[in-house]
């Protein structure tokens, strides 16, 4: 996320400028030692070492402090706990499962983990992302994930909304090796914090969100289907025209 990197844009130039402000001191020291022509080695070395150390310290503090990340991200903050419903595009009127997931910043990228439940709250399995890329302009999170006992791999794209304030909902499309058709999930934010709920409590929250999220999920699927139908109709008309 660009908001997390912006302080570095000020930090590194400040370190370089500070190092070169001391060059007169180093020049005198090197001239006294009879090697005045090499004095620039000192501020250059300090600049490089200072930037490496500052980057390490900044990244460490950033990763350890959720509050700092929240301040830096502002209205782009996507971390926290979310609940969502899962619908297969082949069965657009049926909620197949519900989920409780968590998004957090870890090792320089966003990591998504969560649990899947049946609509009666029975735990089915868990999942976690393997690698991600976040576009804060479009508020889209792309990631690969592993799910199930066999750790089946898949790909997903989450789009957060609204675009002009702190995200409170998302729409996700995903597909993996075990899917007979793409899936769509619609989720809502449970908390901007990481809640310490146990597995049963997370399941009950996900189930409770189902009645609220299902109508929106179905409407989104119908939009997708209408776009596909329109595209198919245009293709058919073009084919008839060519004939």
Protein backbone atom coordinates (compact mmCIF):
# COMPACT_ATOMS: atom_id res chain seq x y z
CA UNK A 1 0.00 0.00 0.00
CA UNK A 2 1.42 3.37 -1.02
CA UNK A 3 0.28 5.03 2.21
CA UNK A 4 2.57 2.73 4.18
CA UNK A 5 5.57 3.64 2.01
CA UNK A 6 5.16 7.41 1.91
CA UNK A 7 7.19 8.08 5.10
CA UNK A 8 10.17 6.44 3.38
CA UNK A 9 9.98 9.07 0.65
CA UNK A 10 10.89 11.63 3.32
CA UNK A 11 13.03 9.44 5.55
CA UNK A 12 15.70 8.38 3.04
CA UNK A 13 16.39 11.84 1.54
CA UNK A 14 16.63 13.25 5.07
CA UNK A 15 19.26 10.65 5.97
CA UNK A 16 21.28 11.38 2.81
CA UNK A 17 21.09 15.14 3.37
CA UNK A 18 22.16 14.78 7.01
CA UNK A 19 25.11 12.58 6.03
CA UNK A 20 26.37 15.05 3.43
CA UNK A 21 26.00 17.99 5.83
CA UNK A 22 28.86 16.40 7.77
CA UNK A 23 31.18 16.20 4.74
CA UNK A 24 33.21 19.26 5.80
CA UNK A 25 33.98 17.54 9.09
CA UNK A 26 35.07 14.38 7.29
CA UNK A 27 37.09 16.38 4.77
CA UNK A 28 39.16 17.96 7.55
CA UNK A 29 39.66 14.59 9.22
CA UNK A 30 40.75 12.92 5.98
CA UNK A 31 43.04 15.82 5.03
CA UNK A 32 44.68 15.64 8.42
CA UNK A 33 45.30 11.95 7.73
CA UNK A 34 46.75 12.77 4.29
CA UNK A 35 43.91 11.18 2.32
CA UNK A 36 41.73 14.21 1.69
CA UNK A 37 40.73 13.03 -1.77
CA UNK A 38 38.81 10.11 -0.25
CA UNK A 39 36.66 12.06 2.19
CA UNK A 40 33.44 11.48 0.22
CA UNK A 41 33.63 7.80 1.13
CA UNK A 42 32.44 8.66 4.66
CA UNK A 43 29.14 10.48 3.86
CA UNK A 44 28.33 7.97 1.11
CA UNK A 45 28.90 5.07 3.49
CA UNK A 46 26.83 6.76 6.19
CA UNK A 47 24.03 7.43 3.70
CA UNK A 48 23.85 3.82 2.54
CA UNK A 49 24.15 2.36 6.04
CA UNK A 50 21.64 4.87 7.41
CA UNK A 51 19.03 4.08 4.73
CA UNK A 52 19.40 0.33 5.22
CA UNK A 53 19.04 0.66 8.99
CA UNK A 54 16.16 3.13 8.74
CA UNK A 55 14.27 0.89 6.29
CA UNK A 56 14.72 -2.09 8.60
CA UNK A 57 13.57 -0.17 11.68
CA UNK A 58 10.64 1.42 9.87
CA UNK A 59 9.44 -1.88 8.43
CA UNK A 60 9.74 -3.51 11.86
CA UNK A 61 7.72 -0.77 13.56
CA UNK A 62 5.16 -0.73 10.74
CA UNK A 63 4.61 -4.47 10.97
CA UNK A 64 4.38 -4.41 14.78
CA UNK A 65 2.02 -1.45 15.09
CA UNK A 66 -1.52 -1.88 13.78
CA UNK A 67 -2.35 1.61 15.07
CA UNK A 68 0.41 3.16 12.98
CA UNK A 69 -0.82 1.33 9.90
CA UNK A 70 -4.37 2.48 10.54
CA UNK A 71 -3.25 6.12 10.84
CA UNK A 72 -1.14 5.93 7.68
CA UNK A 73 -3.82 4.12 5.66
CA UNK A 74 -6.64 6.45 6.65
CA UNK A 75 -9.75 5.76 4.57
CA UNK A 76 -7.87 3.01 2.72
CA UNK A 77 -7.59 0.80 5.81
CA UNK A 78 -8.74 -2.73 4.95
CA UNK A 79 -7.33 -4.70 7.89
CA UNK A 80 -9.64 -6.30 10.41
CA UNK A 81 -12.25 -9.06 10.63
CA UNK A 82 -14.87 -9.69 7.95
CA UNK A 83 -17.88 -12.03 7.53
CA UNK A 84 -19.12 -13.17 4.13
CA UNK A 85 -21.46 -15.51 2.26
CA UNK A 86 -20.35 -17.84 -0.56
CA UNK A 87 -22.47 -18.54 -3.66
CA UNK A 88 -21.54 -20.62 -6.69
CA UNK A 89 -22.39 -18.93 -9.99
CA UNK A 90 -23.95 -22.23 -11.12
CA UNK A 91 -26.39 -22.05 -8.16
CA UNK A 92 -27.11 -18.32 -7.89
CA UNK A 93 -29.99 -18.57 -5.41
CA UNK A 94 -28.27 -20.78 -2.84
CA UNK A 95 -25.78 -19.79 -0.16
CA UNK A 96 -23.31 -22.66 -0.16
CA UNK A 97 -21.38 -21.59 2.93
CA UNK A 98 -20.44 -18.64 5.13
CA UNK A 99 -17.01 -17.46 6.22
CA UNK A 100 -15.27 -15.46 8.90
CA UNK A 101 -11.96 -14.06 7.67
CA UNK A 102 -9.18 -11.74 8.77
CA UNK A 103 -7.02 -9.40 6.73
CA UNK A 104 -3.74 -8.25 8.21
CA UNK A 105 -0.46 -6.75 7.01
CA UNK A 106 2.30 -9.33 7.32
CA UNK A 107 5.80 -9.55 5.80
CA UNK A 108 5.22 -6.55 3.57
CA UNK A 109 1.89 -7.64 2.08
CA UNK A 110 -1.72 -8.27 3.04
CA UNK A 111 -2.48 -11.77 4.30
CA UNK A 112 -6.00 -13.21 4.40
CA UNK A 113 -6.91 -16.11 6.67
CA UNK A 114 -10.28 -17.51 7.63
CA UNK A 115 -12.70 -20.31 8.41
CA UNK A 116 -15.54 -21.70 6.32
CA UNK A 117 -18.83 -22.85 7.88
CA UNK A 118 -22.04 -24.43 6.67
CA UNK A 119 -25.13 -22.23 6.94
CA UNK A 120 -25.99 -23.88 10.27
CA UNK A 121 -22.61 -22.89 11.75
CA UNK A 122 -20.79 -26.22 11.39
CA UNK A 123 -17.08 -25.69 10.77
CA UNK A 124 -15.94 -26.99 7.36
CA UNK A 125 -12.32 -25.91 7.01
CA UNK A 126 -9.89 -23.03 6.85
CA UNK A 127 -8.00 -21.10 4.19
CA UNK A 128 -5.10 -18.69 3.91
CA UNK A 129 -3.52 -16.56 1.20
CA UNK A 130 -0.10 -17.44 -0.20
CA UNK A 131 0.77 -14.13 -1.83
CA UNK A 132 -1.08 -10.92 -2.59
CA UNK A 133 -0.99 -7.60 -4.42
CA UNK A 134 -3.08 -4.61 -3.38
CA UNK A 135 -4.09 -1.72 -5.63
CA UNK A 136 -5.18 1.17 -3.44
CA UNK A 137 -6.43 3.19 -6.41
CA UNK A 138 -9.12 0.64 -7.27
CA UNK A 139 -9.16 -0.93 -3.79
CA UNK A 140 -8.61 -4.39 -5.19
CA UNK A 141 -6.76 -7.19 -3.44
CA UNK A 142 -5.53 -10.04 -5.64
CA UNK A 143 -4.20 -13.16 -3.96
CA UNK A 144 -3.50 -16.86 -4.29
CA UNK A 145 -4.76 -19.11 -1.55
CA UNK A 146 -4.70 -22.61 -0.10
CA UNK A 147 -7.82 -24.33 1.22
CA UNK A 148 -8.88 -27.69 2.66
CA UNK A 149 -6.97 -30.69 3.97
CA UNK A 150 -5.30 -31.21 0.61
CA UNK A 151 -4.40 -27.49 0.51
CA UNK A 152 -6.03 -26.95 -2.86
CA UNK A 153 -4.74 -23.82 -4.57
CA UNK A 154 -6.82 -21.03 -6.08
CA UNK A 155 -6.94 -17.40 -7.17
CA UNK A 156 -9.21 -14.62 -5.88
CA UNK A 157 -9.88 -10.93 -6.41
CA UNK A 158 -11.52 -8.80 -3.72
CA UNK A 159 -12.93 -5.36 -4.45
CA UNK A 160 -13.66 -3.20 -1.42
CA UNK A 161 -16.35 -0.52 -1.20
CA UNK A 162 -17.21 2.26 -0.88
CA UNK A 163 -14.37 3.88 -2.83
CA UNK A 164 -14.59 7.28 -1.17
CA UNK A 165 -14.46 6.31 2.50
CA UNK A 166 -13.24 3.54 4.80
CA UNK A 167 -14.27 0.15 3.30
CA UNK A 168 -17.20 -1.57 4.98
CA UNK A 169 -18.05 -4.21 2.34
CA UNK A 170 -16.36 -6.31 -0.30
CA UNK A 171 -17.16 -8.47 -3.30
CA UNK A 172 -14.83 -11.35 -4.08
CA UNK A 173 -14.65 -13.73 -7.02
CA UNK A 174 -12.53 -16.85 -6.72
CA UNK A 175 -11.82 -20.10 -8.47
CA UNK A 176 -9.69 -23.11 -7.50
CA UNK A 177 -8.97 -26.68 -8.54
CA UNK A 178 -12.02 -28.05 -6.73
CA UNK A 179 -14.55 -25.52 -8.11
CA UNK A 180 -16.96 -26.66 -10.83
CA UNK A 181 -17.69 -22.97 -11.52
CA UNK A 182 -16.46 -19.61 -10.20
CA UNK A 183 -17.68 -18.48 -6.80
CA UNK A 184 -18.77 -15.08 -5.61
CA UNK A 185 -18.63 -13.92 -2.02
CA UNK A 186 -20.04 -10.75 -0.50
CA UNK A 187 -18.72 -9.65 2.85
CA UNK A 188 -19.07 -6.95 5.47
CA UNK A 189 -16.63 -5.65 8.03
CA UNK A 190 -17.07 -7.09 11.51
CA UNK A 191 -14.36 -5.03 13.16
CA UNK A 192 -11.32 -2.90 12.32
CA UNK A 193 -9.58 -4.76 15.13
CA UNK A 194 -8.56 -8.41 15.37
CA UNK A 195 -11.20 -9.95 17.60
CA UNK A 196 -10.29 -12.83 19.90
CA UNK A 197 -13.38 -14.92 19.16
CA UNK A 198 -13.20 -18.69 19.28
CA UNK A 199 -14.19 -20.89 16.32
CA UNK A 200 -17.81 -21.28 17.44
CA UNK A 201 -18.29 -17.55 17.97
CA UNK A 202 -16.80 -16.73 14.55
CA UNK A 203 -19.19 -19.23 13.00
CA UNK A 204 -22.25 -17.72 14.68
CA UNK A 205 -21.25 -14.24 13.48
CA UNK A 206 -20.86 -15.49 9.91
CA UNK A 207 -24.23 -17.25 10.01
CA UNK A 208 -25.92 -14.14 11.43
CA UNK A 209 -24.56 -12.07 8.54
CA UNK A 210 -26.08 -14.44 5.97
CA UNK A 211 -29.59 -12.95 5.91
CA UNK A 212 -28.18 -9.46 5.39
CA UNK A 213 -25.64 -10.36 2.71
CA UNK A 214 -27.54 -12.97 0.66
CA UNK A 215 -29.84 -10.53 -1.23
CA UNK A 216 -26.90 -8.34 -2.22
CA UNK A 217 -24.86 -11.37 -3.33
CA UNK A 218 -27.71 -12.67 -5.49
CA UNK A 219 -28.20 -9.25 -7.09
CA UNK A 220 -24.49 -9.11 -7.95
CA UNK A 221 -24.66 -12.55 -9.55
CA UNK A 222 -27.64 -11.49 -11.63
CA UNK A 223 -25.66 -8.49 -12.85
CA UNK A 224 -22.85 -10.81 -13.93
CA UNK A 225 -25.31 -13.11 -15.67
CA UNK A 226 -27.01 -10.22 -17.50
CA UNK A 227 -23.63 -9.02 -18.77
CA UNK A 228 -22.79 -12.53 -19.97
CA UNK A 229 -26.19 -12.89 -21.65
CA UNK A 230 -25.77 -9.55 -23.40
CA UNK A 231 -22.30 -10.53 -24.59
CA UNK A 232 -23.57 -13.90 -25.85
CA UNK A 233 -26.43 -12.17 -27.68
CA UNK A 234 -24.02 -9.76 -29.37
CA UNK A 235 -21.80 -12.67 -30.41
CA UNK A 236 -24.81 -14.50 -31.88
CA UNK A 237 -25.93 -11.41 -33.77
CA UNK A 238 -22.45 -10.86 -35.13
CA UNK A 239 -22.29 -14.49 -36.26
CA UNK A 240 -25.68 -14.20 -38.01
CA UNK A 241 -24.54 -10.97 -39.68
CA UNK A 242 -21.37 -12.66 -40.97
CA UNK A 243 -23.44 -15.47 -42.45
